PDB file of all heavy atoms in Angstrom:
ATOM      1  N   THR A   1     104.916  94.413  92.430  1.00  0.00           N
ATOM      2  CA  THR A   1     104.437  93.046  92.297  1.00  0.00           C
ATOM      3  C   THR A   1     104.760  92.253  93.552  1.00  0.00           C
ATOM      4  O   THR A   1     105.884  92.304  94.045  1.00  0.00           O
ATOM      5  CB  THR A   1     105.061  92.365  91.076  1.00  0.00           C
ATOM      6  OG1 THR A   1     104.753  93.110  89.899  1.00  0.00           O
ATOM      7  CG2 THR A   1     104.536  90.944  90.920  1.00  0.00           C
ATOM      8  N   THR A   2     103.787  91.517  94.058  1.00  0.00           N
ATOM      9  CA  THR A   2     103.950  90.795  95.313  1.00  0.00           C
ATOM     10  C   THR A   2     103.789  89.298  95.121  1.00  0.00           C
ATOM     11  O   THR A   2     103.087  88.834  94.219  1.00  0.00           O
ATOM     12  CB  THR A   2     102.940  91.270  96.365  1.00  0.00           C
ATOM     13  OG1 THR A   2     101.609  91.054  95.877  1.00  0.00           O
ATOM     14  CG2 THR A   2     103.118  92.754  96.654  1.00  0.00           C
ATOM     15  N   ASN A   3     104.435  88.548  96.006  1.00  0.00           N
ATOM     16  CA  ASN A   3     104.301  87.100  96.066  1.00  0.00           C
ATOM     17  C   ASN A   3     104.291  86.683  97.526  1.00  0.00           C
ATOM     18  O   ASN A   3     104.934  87.313  98.372  1.00  0.00           O
ATOM     19  CB  ASN A   3     105.439  86.397  95.329  1.00  0.00           C
ATOM     20  CG  ASN A   3     105.364  86.563  93.831  1.00  0.00           C
ATOM     21  OD1 ASN A   3     104.519  85.954  93.178  1.00  0.00           O
ATOM     22  ND2 ASN A   3     106.227  87.403  93.282  1.00  0.00           N
ATOM     23  N   TYR A   4     103.562  85.602  97.810  1.00  0.00           N
ATOM     24  CA  TYR A   4     103.421  85.128  99.172  1.00  0.00           C
ATOM     25  C   TYR A   4     103.590  83.624  99.245  1.00  0.00           C
ATOM     26  O   TYR A   4     103.233  82.898  98.312  1.00  0.00           O
ATOM     27  CB  TYR A   4     102.046  85.479  99.739  1.00  0.00           C
ATOM     28  CG  TYR A   4     101.758  86.953  99.790  1.00  0.00           C
ATOM     29  CD1 TYR A   4     101.112  87.590  98.743  1.00  0.00           C
ATOM     30  CD2 TYR A   4     102.130  87.715 100.894  1.00  0.00           C
ATOM     31  CE1 TYR A   4     100.848  88.950  98.788  1.00  0.00           C
ATOM     32  CE2 TYR A   4     101.870  89.069 100.946  1.00  0.00           C
ATOM     33  CZ  TYR A   4     101.231  89.682  99.891  1.00  0.00           C
ATOM     34  OH  TYR A   4     100.966  91.030  99.932  1.00  0.00           O
ATOM     35  N   ALA A   5     104.118  83.173 100.363  1.00  0.00           N
ATOM     36  CA  ALA A   5     104.112  81.750 100.647  1.00  0.00           C
ATOM     37  C   ALA A   5     102.671  81.290 100.841  1.00  0.00           C
ATOM     38  O   ALA A   5     101.825  82.040 101.340  1.00  0.00           O
ATOM     39  CB  ALA A   5     104.933  81.448 101.894  1.00  0.00           C
ATOM     40  N   ASP A   6     102.386  80.060 100.442  1.00  0.00           N
ATOM     41  CA  ASP A   6     101.027  79.549 100.558  1.00  0.00           C
ATOM     42  C   ASP A   6     100.509  79.605 101.995  1.00  0.00           C
ATOM     43  O   ASP A   6      99.315  79.817 102.220  1.00  0.00           O
ATOM     44  CB  ASP A   6     100.958  78.112 100.042  1.00  0.00           C
ATOM     45  CG  ASP A   6     101.103  78.018  98.539  1.00  0.00           C
ATOM     46  OD1 ASP A   6     100.888  79.034  97.852  1.00  0.00           O
ATOM     47  OD2 ASP A   6     101.425  76.924  98.045  1.00  0.00           O
ATOM     48  N   SER A   7     101.389  79.437 102.940  1.00  0.00           N
ATOM     49  CA  SER A   7     100.988  79.389 104.331  1.00  0.00           C
ATOM     50  C   SER A   7     100.474  80.721 104.866  1.00  0.00           C
ATOM     51  O   SER A   7      99.807  80.753 105.908  1.00  0.00           O
ATOM     52  CB  SER A   7     102.149  78.905 105.204  1.00  0.00           C
ATOM     53  OG  SER A   7     103.268  79.765 105.081  1.00  0.00           O
ATOM     54  N   VAL A   8     100.765  81.818 104.174  1.00  0.00           N
ATOM     55  CA  VAL A   8     100.362  83.134 104.668  1.00  0.00           C
ATOM     56  C   VAL A   8      99.429  83.869 103.722  1.00  0.00           C
ATOM     57  O   VAL A   8      98.971  84.977 104.050  1.00  0.00           O
ATOM     58  CB  VAL A   8     101.581  84.027 104.971  1.00  0.00           C
ATOM     59  CG1 VAL A   8     102.541  83.319 105.918  1.00  0.00           C
ATOM     60  CG2 VAL A   8     102.300  84.437 103.688  1.00  0.00           C
ATOM     61  N   LYS A   9      99.123  83.293 102.583  1.00  0.00           N
ATOM     62  CA  LYS A   9      98.235  83.949 101.627  1.00  0.00           C
ATOM     63  C   LYS A   9      96.877  84.238 102.253  1.00  0.00           C
ATOM     64  O   LYS A   9      96.300  83.402 102.930  1.00  0.00           O
ATOM     65  CB  LYS A   9      98.053  83.082 100.383  1.00  0.00           C
ATOM     66  CG  LYS A   9      99.234  83.088  99.445  1.00  0.00           C
ATOM     67  CD  LYS A   9      98.954  82.245  98.197  1.00  0.00           C
ATOM     68  CE  LYS A   9     100.122  82.286  97.232  1.00  0.00           C
ATOM     69  NZ  LYS A   9      99.888  81.439  96.044  1.00  0.00           N
ATOM     70  N   GLY A  10      96.412  85.438 102.010  1.00  0.00           N
ATOM     71  CA  GLY A  10      95.133  85.855 102.558  1.00  0.00           C
ATOM     72  C   GLY A  10      95.219  86.428 103.947  1.00  0.00           C
ATOM     73  O   GLY A  10      94.244  87.020 104.430  1.00  0.00           O
ATOM     74  N   ARG A  11      96.346  86.262 104.608  1.00  0.00           N
ATOM     75  CA  ARG A  11      96.526  86.766 105.968  1.00  0.00           C
ATOM     76  C   ARG A  11      97.582  87.857 106.062  1.00  0.00           C
ATOM     77  O   ARG A  11      97.449  88.785 106.863  1.00  0.00           O
ATOM     78  CB  ARG A  11      96.897  85.630 106.917  1.00  0.00           C
ATOM     79  CG  ARG A  11      95.855  84.517 106.984  1.00  0.00           C
ATOM     80  CD  ARG A  11      96.181  83.508 108.080  1.00  0.00           C
ATOM     81  NE  ARG A  11      97.441  82.815 107.828  1.00  0.00           N
ATOM     82  CZ  ARG A  11      98.495  82.878 108.623  1.00  0.00           C
ATOM     83  NH1 ARG A  11      98.451  83.594 109.745  1.00  0.00           N
ATOM     84  NH2 ARG A  11      99.601  82.204 108.324  1.00  0.00           N
ATOM     85  N   PHE A  12      98.646  87.746 105.268  1.00  0.00           N
ATOM     86  CA  PHE A  12      99.745  88.705 105.304  1.00  0.00           C
ATOM     87  C   PHE A  12      99.705  89.586 104.064  1.00  0.00           C
ATOM     88  O   PHE A  12      99.304  89.142 102.979  1.00  0.00           O
ATOM     89  CB  PHE A  12     101.099  87.995 105.345  1.00  0.00           C
ATOM     90  CG  PHE A  12     101.402  87.277 106.622  1.00  0.00           C
ATOM     91  CD1 PHE A  12     100.439  87.072 107.595  1.00  0.00           C
ATOM     92  CD2 PHE A  12     102.685  86.792 106.850  1.00  0.00           C
ATOM     93  CE1 PHE A  12     100.728  86.407 108.773  1.00  0.00           C
ATOM     94  CE2 PHE A  12     102.990  86.125 108.021  1.00  0.00           C
ATOM     95  CZ  PHE A  12     102.017  85.926 108.983  1.00  0.00           C
ATOM     96  N   THR A  13     100.151  90.822 104.216  1.00  0.00           N
ATOM     97  CA  THR A  13     100.249  91.746 103.104  1.00  0.00           C
ATOM     98  C   THR A  13     101.580  92.473 103.164  1.00  0.00           C
ATOM     99  O   THR A  13     101.910  93.089 104.181  1.00  0.00           O
ATOM    100  CB  THR A  13      99.112  92.785 103.121  1.00  0.00           C
ATOM    101  OG1 THR A  13      97.844  92.118 103.078  1.00  0.00           O
ATOM    102  CG2 THR A  13      99.225  93.705 101.913  1.00  0.00           C
ATOM    103  N   ILE A  14     102.346  92.400 102.090  1.00  0.00           N
ATOM    104  CA  ILE A  14     103.603  93.119 102.000  1.00  0.00           C
ATOM    105  C   ILE A  14     103.389  94.386 101.184  1.00  0.00           C
ATOM    106  O   ILE A  14     102.633  94.394 100.207  1.00  0.00           O
ATOM    107  CB  ILE A  14     104.718  92.249 101.388  1.00  0.00           C
ATOM    108  CG1 ILE A  14     106.069  92.960 101.477  1.00  0.00           C
ATOM    109  CG2 ILE A  14     104.401  91.861  99.948  1.00  0.00           C
ATOM    110  CD1 ILE A  14     107.245  92.087 101.065  1.00  0.00           C
ATOM    111  N   SER A  15     104.032  95.455 101.583  1.00  0.00           N
ATOM    112  CA  SER A  15     103.942  96.716 100.864  1.00  0.00           C
ATOM    113  C   SER A  15     105.256  97.465 101.008  1.00  0.00           C
ATOM    114  O   SER A  15     106.125  97.068 101.797  1.00  0.00           O
ATOM    115  CB  SER A  15     102.771  97.564 101.379  1.00  0.00           C
ATOM    116  OG  SER A  15     102.936  97.871 102.750  1.00  0.00           O
ATOM    117  N   ARG A  16     105.404  98.534 100.256  1.00  0.00           N
ATOM    118  CA  ARG A  16     106.622  99.323 100.346  1.00  0.00           C
ATOM    119  C   ARG A  16     106.334 100.779 100.037  1.00  0.00           C
ATOM    120  O   ARG A  16     105.412 101.105  99.288  1.00  0.00           O
ATOM    121  CB  ARG A  16     107.709  98.790  99.398  1.00  0.00           C
ATOM    122  CG  ARG A  16     107.358  98.860  97.923  1.00  0.00           C
ATOM    123  CD  ARG A  16     108.385  98.121  97.074  1.00  0.00           C
ATOM    124  NE  ARG A  16     109.657  98.835  96.994  1.00  0.00           N
ATOM    125  CZ  ARG A  16     110.762  98.328  96.448  1.00  0.00           C
ATOM    126  NH1 ARG A  16     110.759  97.091  95.971  1.00  0.00           N
ATOM    127  NH2 ARG A  16     111.872  99.060  96.402  1.00  0.00           N
ATOM    128  N   ASP A  17     107.138 101.626 100.629  1.00  0.00           N
ATOM    129  CA  ASP A  17     107.103 103.055 100.382  1.00  0.00           C
ATOM    130  C   ASP A  17     108.465 103.411  99.803  1.00  0.00           C
ATOM    131  O   ASP A  17     109.446 103.507 100.539  1.00  0.00           O
ATOM    132  CB  ASP A  17     106.826 103.825 101.668  1.00  0.00           C
ATOM    133  CG  ASP A  17     106.654 105.315 101.437  1.00  0.00           C
ATOM    134  OD1 ASP A  17     107.184 105.846 100.445  1.00  0.00           O
ATOM    135  OD2 ASP A  17     105.977 105.967 102.263  1.00  0.00           O
ATOM    136  N   ASN A  18     108.524 103.576  98.507  1.00  0.00           N
ATOM    137  CA  ASN A  18     109.803 103.810  97.846  1.00  0.00           C
ATOM    138  C   ASN A  18     110.462 105.114  98.281  1.00  0.00           C
ATOM    139  O   ASN A  18     111.689 105.202  98.354  1.00  0.00           O
ATOM    140  CB  ASN A  18     109.623 103.796  96.327  1.00  0.00           C
ATOM    141  CG  ASN A  18     109.272 102.424  95.796  1.00  0.00           C
ATOM    142  OD1 ASN A  18     109.646 101.405  96.377  1.00  0.00           O
ATOM    143  ND2 ASN A  18     108.550 102.382  94.678  1.00  0.00           N
ATOM    144  N   ALA A  19     109.663 106.123  98.556  1.00  0.00           N
ATOM    145  CA  ALA A  19     110.211 107.400  98.985  1.00  0.00           C
ATOM    146  C   ALA A  19     110.919 107.284 100.329  1.00  0.00           C
ATOM    147  O   ALA A  19     111.857 108.030 100.606  1.00  0.00           O
ATOM    148  CB  ALA A  19     109.115 108.454  99.059  1.00  0.00           C
ATOM    149  N   LYS A  20     110.473 106.363 101.159  1.00  0.00           N
ATOM    150  CA  LYS A  20     111.058 106.160 102.477  1.00  0.00           C
ATOM    151  C   LYS A  20     111.993 104.967 102.546  1.00  0.00           C
ATOM    152  O   LYS A  20     112.547 104.682 103.609  1.00  0.00           O
ATOM    153  CB  LYS A  20     109.961 105.993 103.522  1.00  0.00           C
ATOM    154  CG  LYS A  20     109.050 107.204 103.675  1.00  0.00           C
ATOM    155  CD  LYS A  20     107.979 106.952 104.734  1.00  0.00           C
ATOM    156  CE  LYS A  20     107.084 108.161 104.907  1.00  0.00           C
ATOM    157  NZ  LYS A  20     106.028 107.924 105.932  1.00  0.00           N
ATOM    158  N   ASN A  21     112.168 104.260 101.426  1.00  0.00           N
ATOM    159  CA  ASN A  21     112.985 103.044 101.400  1.00  0.00           C
ATOM    160  C   ASN A  21     112.569 102.080 102.504  1.00  0.00           C
ATOM    161  O   ASN A  21     113.408 101.506 103.211  1.00  0.00           O
ATOM    162  CB  ASN A  21     114.470 103.384 101.521  1.00  0.00           C
ATOM    163  CG  ASN A  21     115.042 103.994 100.255  1.00  0.00           C
ATOM    164  OD1 ASN A  21     114.498 103.832  99.164  1.00  0.00           O
ATOM    165  ND2 ASN A  21     116.154 104.698 100.392  1.00  0.00           N
ATOM    166  N   THR A  22     111.278 101.897 102.629  1.00  0.00           N
ATOM    167  CA  THR A  22     110.731 101.102 103.717  1.00  0.00           C
ATOM    168  C   THR A  22     109.764 100.056 103.194  1.00  0.00           C
ATOM    169  O   THR A  22     108.971 100.332 102.289  1.00  0.00           O
ATOM    170  CB  THR A  22     110.007 101.999 104.734  1.00  0.00           C
ATOM    171  OG1 THR A  22     110.936 102.944 105.277  1.00  0.00           O
ATOM    172  CG2 THR A  22     109.427 101.181 105.870  1.00  0.00           C
ATOM    173  N   ALA A  23     109.846  98.861 103.768  1.00  0.00           N
ATOM    174  CA  ALA A  23     108.906  97.788 103.478  1.00  0.00           C
ATOM    175  C   ALA A  23     108.124  97.455 104.733  1.00  0.00           C
ATOM    176  O   ALA A  23     108.612  97.642 105.852  1.00  0.00           O
ATOM    177  CB  ALA A  23     109.631  96.549 102.972  1.00  0.00           C
ATOM    178  N   TYR A  24     106.924  96.954 104.542  1.00  0.00           N
ATOM    179  CA  TYR A  24     106.051  96.603 105.647  1.00  0.00           C
ATOM    180  C   TYR A  24     105.506  95.195 105.440  1.00  0.00           C
ATOM    181  O   TYR A  24     105.361  94.722 104.319  1.00  0.00           O
ATOM    182  CB  TYR A  24     104.873  97.572 105.756  1.00  0.00           C
ATOM    183  CG  TYR A  24     105.267  99.023 105.825  1.00  0.00           C
ATOM    184  CD1 TYR A  24     105.344  99.790 104.667  1.00  0.00           C
ATOM    185  CD2 TYR A  24     105.560  99.630 107.041  1.00  0.00           C
ATOM    186  CE1 TYR A  24     105.708 101.128 104.718  1.00  0.00           C
ATOM    187  CE2 TYR A  24     105.927 100.961 107.102  1.00  0.00           C
ATOM    188  CZ  TYR A  24     105.995 101.708 105.939  1.00  0.00           C
ATOM    189  OH  TYR A  24     106.360 103.030 105.997  1.00  0.00           O
ATOM    190  N   LEU A  25     105.191  94.551 106.536  1.00  0.00           N
ATOM    191  CA  LEU A  25     104.503  93.276 106.495  1.00  0.00           C
ATOM    192  C   LEU A  25     103.363  93.330 107.496  1.00  0.00           C
ATOM    193  O   LEU A  25     103.593  93.284 108.706  1.00  0.00           O
ATOM    194  CB  LEU A  25     105.440  92.111 106.815  1.00  0.00           C
ATOM    195  CG  LEU A  25     104.826  90.721 106.664  1.00  0.00           C
ATOM    196  CD1 LEU A  25     104.509  90.442 105.185  1.00  0.00           C
ATOM    197  CD2 LEU A  25     105.749  89.641 107.210  1.00  0.00           C
ATOM    198  N   GLN A  26     102.149  93.457 106.980  1.00  0.00           N
ATOM    199  CA  GLN A  26     100.962  93.431 107.818  1.00  0.00           C
ATOM    200  C   GLN A  26     100.545  91.986 108.003  1.00  0.00           C
ATOM    201  O   GLN A  26     100.264  91.288 107.029  1.00  0.00           O
ATOM    202  CB  GLN A  26      99.835  94.236 107.172  1.00  0.00           C
ATOM    203  CG  GLN A  26      98.530  94.246 107.962  1.00  0.00           C
ATOM    204  CD  GLN A  26      98.661  94.972 109.276  1.00  0.00           C
ATOM    205  OE1 GLN A  26      99.206  96.071 109.334  1.00  0.00           O
ATOM    206  NE2 GLN A  26      98.166  94.360 110.351  1.00  0.00           N
ATOM    207  N   MET A  27     100.496  91.539 109.243  1.00  0.00           N
ATOM    208  CA  MET A  27     100.187  90.152 109.554  1.00  0.00           C
ATOM    209  C   MET A  27      98.884  90.104 110.338  1.00  0.00           C
ATOM    210  O   MET A  27      98.808  90.604 111.466  1.00  0.00           O
ATOM    211  CB  MET A  27     101.319  89.512 110.352  1.00  0.00           C
ATOM    212  CG  MET A  27     102.675  89.592 109.654  1.00  0.00           C
ATOM    213  SD  MET A  27     103.986  88.729 110.563  1.00  0.00           S
ATOM    214  CE  MET A  27     104.081  89.768 112.017  1.00  0.00           C
ATOM    215  N   ASN A  28      97.873  89.515 109.733  1.00  0.00           N
ATOM    216  CA  ASN A  28      96.567  89.371 110.359  1.00  0.00           C
ATOM    217  C   ASN A  28      96.252  87.902 110.594  1.00  0.00           C
ATOM    218  O   ASN A  28      96.864  87.019 110.003  1.00  0.00           O
ATOM    219  CB  ASN A  28      95.478  90.001 109.485  1.00  0.00           C
ATOM    220  CG  ASN A  28      95.665  91.476 109.254  1.00  0.00           C
ATOM    221  OD1 ASN A  28      96.139  92.203 110.130  1.00  0.00           O
ATOM    222  ND2 ASN A  28      95.277  91.949 108.072  1.00  0.00           N
ATOM    223  N   SER A  29      95.273  87.657 111.437  1.00  0.00           N
ATOM    224  CA  SER A  29      94.839  86.293 111.740  1.00  0.00           C
ATOM    225  C   SER A  29      96.020  85.397 112.070  1.00  0.00           C
ATOM    226  O   SER A  29      96.150  84.290 111.557  1.00  0.00           O
ATOM    227  CB  SER A  29      94.037  85.724 110.561  1.00  0.00           C
ATOM    228  OG  SER A  29      92.911  86.516 110.276  1.00  0.00           O
ATOM    229  N   LEU A  30      96.875  85.873 112.942  1.00  0.00           N
ATOM    230  CA  LEU A  30      98.098  85.151 113.262  1.00  0.00           C
ATOM    231  C   LEU A  30      97.810  83.823 113.941  1.00  0.00           C
ATOM    232  O   LEU A  30      96.858  83.698 114.719  1.00  0.00           O
ATOM    233  CB  LEU A  30      98.999  86.006 114.138  1.00  0.00           C
ATOM    234  CG  LEU A  30      99.742  87.115 113.385  1.00  0.00           C
ATOM    235  CD1 LEU A  30     100.265  88.166 114.349  1.00  0.00           C
ATOM    236  CD2 LEU A  30     100.895  86.517 112.585  1.00  0.00           C
ATOM    237  N   LYS A  31      98.641  82.846 113.640  1.00  0.00           N
ATOM    238  CA  LYS A  31      98.541  81.506 114.178  1.00  0.00           C
ATOM    239  C   LYS A  31      99.810  81.172 114.948  1.00  0.00           C
ATOM    240  O   LYS A  31     100.866  81.733 114.684  1.00  0.00           O
ATOM    241  CB  LYS A  31      98.352  80.488 113.045  1.00  0.00           C
ATOM    242  CG  LYS A  31      97.172  80.764 112.139  1.00  0.00           C
ATOM    243  CD  LYS A  31      97.146  79.774 110.977  1.00  0.00           C
ATOM    244  CE  LYS A  31      95.994  80.046 110.049  1.00  0.00           C
ATOM    245  NZ  LYS A  31      95.978  79.088 108.903  1.00  0.00           N
TER     246      LYS A  31
END
């Protein structure tokens, strides 16, 4: 389950790989 600050909704995507204990933040349309 994901949640985002209003300022980044639609531009940022958080994800995770549980097997690798790793989280990612894809940031698009950066300002």
